């Protein structure tokens, strides 16, 4: 019985580790988003993470008829260099590359979308900015 319990516990631990990896560290998708950087902050109680919001051009309706709402893309940033570039360009039009995970972990950020690089930065009037 002790051997059965040990094997069962070992399988449970390995299965839990695989599930945790799949849920929080498996990259579900990657892509780019472009829009105006609305805000970018560093916040958190135990884990200080960088969080931001990009306002995407165009409009999206919530219901089948009527109601206009602006598109928003909320994201987190892990890399300090990317965070510094975003922190100094609030209000600019950005093109960002991100990775999408199935879930968020507190030490990585509050969102399942993690921005890993800045592709381009432009002024709101269209002139390119260095980053």
Protein backbone atom coordinates (compact mmCIF):
# COMPACT_ATOMS: atom_id res chain seq x y z
CA UNK A 1 0.00 0.00 0.00
CA UNK A 2 2.90 2.36 0.76
CA UNK A 3 4.40 1.73 -2.69
CA UNK A 4 1.02 2.45 -4.36
CA UNK A 5 0.67 5.72 -2.41
CA UNK A 6 4.22 6.78 -3.37
CA UNK A 7 3.62 6.09 -7.07
CA UNK A 8 0.24 7.84 -6.96
CA UNK A 9 1.78 10.89 -5.26
CA UNK A 10 4.64 10.99 -7.79
CA UNK A 11 2.19 10.84 -10.73
CA UNK A 12 0.08 13.56 -9.11
CA UNK A 13 3.10 15.87 -8.68
CA UNK A 14 4.32 15.29 -12.26
CA UNK A 15 0.79 15.80 -13.62
CA UNK A 16 0.42 19.01 -11.60
CA UNK A 17 3.74 20.30 -12.92
CA UNK A 18 2.75 19.57 -16.52
CA UNK A 19 -0.63 21.26 -16.02
CA UNK A 20 1.01 24.32 -14.41
CA UNK A 21 3.49 24.62 -17.30
CA UNK A 22 0.76 24.24 -19.91
CA UNK A 23 -1.59 26.72 -18.21
CA UNK A 24 0.90 29.49 -17.36
CA UNK A 25 4.08 29.07 -19.47
CA UNK A 26 2.92 27.56 -22.79
CA UNK A 27 2.79 30.31 -25.44
CA UNK A 28 -0.70 29.98 -26.90
CA UNK A 29 -0.20 32.61 -29.60
CA UNK A 30 1.91 35.55 -30.78
CA UNK A 31 1.07 38.65 -32.72
CA UNK A 32 1.33 42.40 -33.11
CA UNK A 33 -1.01 45.20 -32.12
CA UNK A 34 -0.84 48.84 -33.09
CA UNK A 35 -2.51 51.78 -31.41
CA UNK A 36 -2.09 54.75 -29.12
CA UNK A 37 -0.56 54.11 -25.70
CA UNK A 38 -3.19 55.23 -23.19
CA UNK A 39 -1.30 54.51 -19.97
CA UNK A 40 1.66 52.55 -18.71
CA UNK A 41 2.30 52.01 -14.97
CA UNK A 42 4.29 49.91 -12.54
CA UNK A 43 2.06 48.58 -9.80
CA UNK A 44 1.40 45.71 -7.42
CA UNK A 45 1.40 44.80 -3.74
CA UNK A 46 3.91 41.96 -3.58
CA UNK A 47 5.11 41.73 -7.18
CA UNK A 48 5.69 45.07 -8.92
CA UNK A 49 4.75 44.56 -12.57
CA UNK A 50 4.43 46.84 -15.57
CA UNK A 51 0.88 47.14 -16.92
CA UNK A 52 -0.38 49.12 -19.90
CA UNK A 53 -3.27 49.79 -22.22
CA UNK A 54 -3.24 50.42 -25.95
CA UNK A 55 -6.24 52.09 -27.62
CA UNK A 56 -6.71 50.42 -31.00
CA UNK A 57 -8.11 52.34 -33.97
CA UNK A 58 -11.67 51.63 -35.07
CA UNK A 59 -14.78 50.77 -33.14
CA UNK A 60 -16.39 47.57 -31.95
CA UNK A 61 -20.05 46.99 -31.14
CA UNK A 62 -20.84 44.93 -28.03
CA UNK A 63 -24.32 43.91 -29.17
CA UNK A 64 -25.78 42.81 -32.48
CA UNK A 65 -27.24 46.27 -33.10
CA UNK A 66 -26.09 49.62 -31.72
CA UNK A 67 -23.57 50.58 -29.02
CA UNK A 68 -20.14 51.81 -30.04
CA UNK A 69 -17.10 51.06 -27.89
CA UNK A 70 -13.41 51.74 -28.42
CA UNK A 71 -11.09 48.73 -28.71
CA UNK A 72 -8.58 48.37 -25.87
CA UNK A 73 -5.63 46.03 -25.54
CA UNK A 74 -4.43 45.54 -21.96
CA UNK A 75 -1.00 43.99 -21.52
CA UNK A 76 1.90 43.37 -19.14
CA UNK A 77 5.64 43.82 -19.71
CA UNK A 78 8.44 41.75 -18.16
CA UNK A 79 11.54 43.23 -19.84
CA UNK A 80 12.89 46.43 -18.23
CA UNK A 81 14.19 47.83 -21.55
CA UNK A 82 10.78 47.49 -23.20
CA UNK A 83 9.17 49.02 -20.10
CA UNK A 84 11.53 52.02 -20.23
CA UNK A 85 10.69 52.60 -23.91
CA UNK A 86 6.96 52.47 -23.19
CA UNK A 87 7.20 54.60 -20.04
CA UNK A 88 8.74 57.49 -21.98
CA UNK A 89 6.28 57.35 -24.89
CA UNK A 90 2.81 57.72 -23.39
CA UNK A 91 0.38 59.05 -25.97
CA UNK A 92 2.49 57.87 -28.92
CA UNK A 93 1.27 55.49 -31.61
CA UNK A 94 3.02 52.16 -31.05
CA UNK A 95 3.32 48.82 -32.77
CA UNK A 96 3.98 46.09 -30.20
CA UNK A 97 4.85 42.39 -30.45
CA UNK A 98 3.22 40.21 -27.79
CA UNK A 99 2.89 36.63 -26.61
CA UNK A 100 -0.41 35.25 -25.35
CA UNK A 101 -0.51 32.72 -22.51
CA UNK A 102 -3.51 30.75 -21.28
CA UNK A 103 -3.30 32.31 -17.81
CA UNK A 104 -1.55 35.02 -15.82
CA UNK A 105 0.86 34.50 -12.92
CA UNK A 106 1.37 37.29 -10.36
CA UNK A 107 5.14 37.68 -10.86
CA UNK A 108 4.76 38.11 -14.64
CA UNK A 109 1.82 40.52 -14.65
CA UNK A 110 -1.93 40.80 -14.33
CA UNK A 111 -2.66 39.99 -17.98
CA UNK A 112 -2.23 36.95 -20.17
CA UNK A 113 -0.81 39.18 -22.93
CA UNK A 114 2.92 39.87 -22.44
CA UNK A 115 4.57 42.48 -24.67
CA UNK A 116 8.15 41.41 -25.43
CA UNK A 117 9.27 44.05 -27.96
CA UNK A 118 8.45 47.41 -29.49
CA UNK A 119 8.37 47.34 -33.29
CA UNK A 120 7.82 51.05 -33.95
CA UNK A 121 7.02 54.31 -32.18
CA UNK A 122 5.39 57.28 -33.91
CA UNK A 123 4.09 60.66 -32.78
CA UNK A 124 0.31 61.01 -32.85
CA UNK A 125 0.76 63.04 -36.08
CA UNK A 126 2.72 60.18 -37.75
CA UNK A 127 6.40 61.19 -37.39
CA UNK A 128 8.70 58.34 -36.31
CA UNK A 129 10.35 58.55 -32.87
CA UNK A 130 13.59 56.84 -31.88
CA UNK A 131 13.42 54.18 -29.15
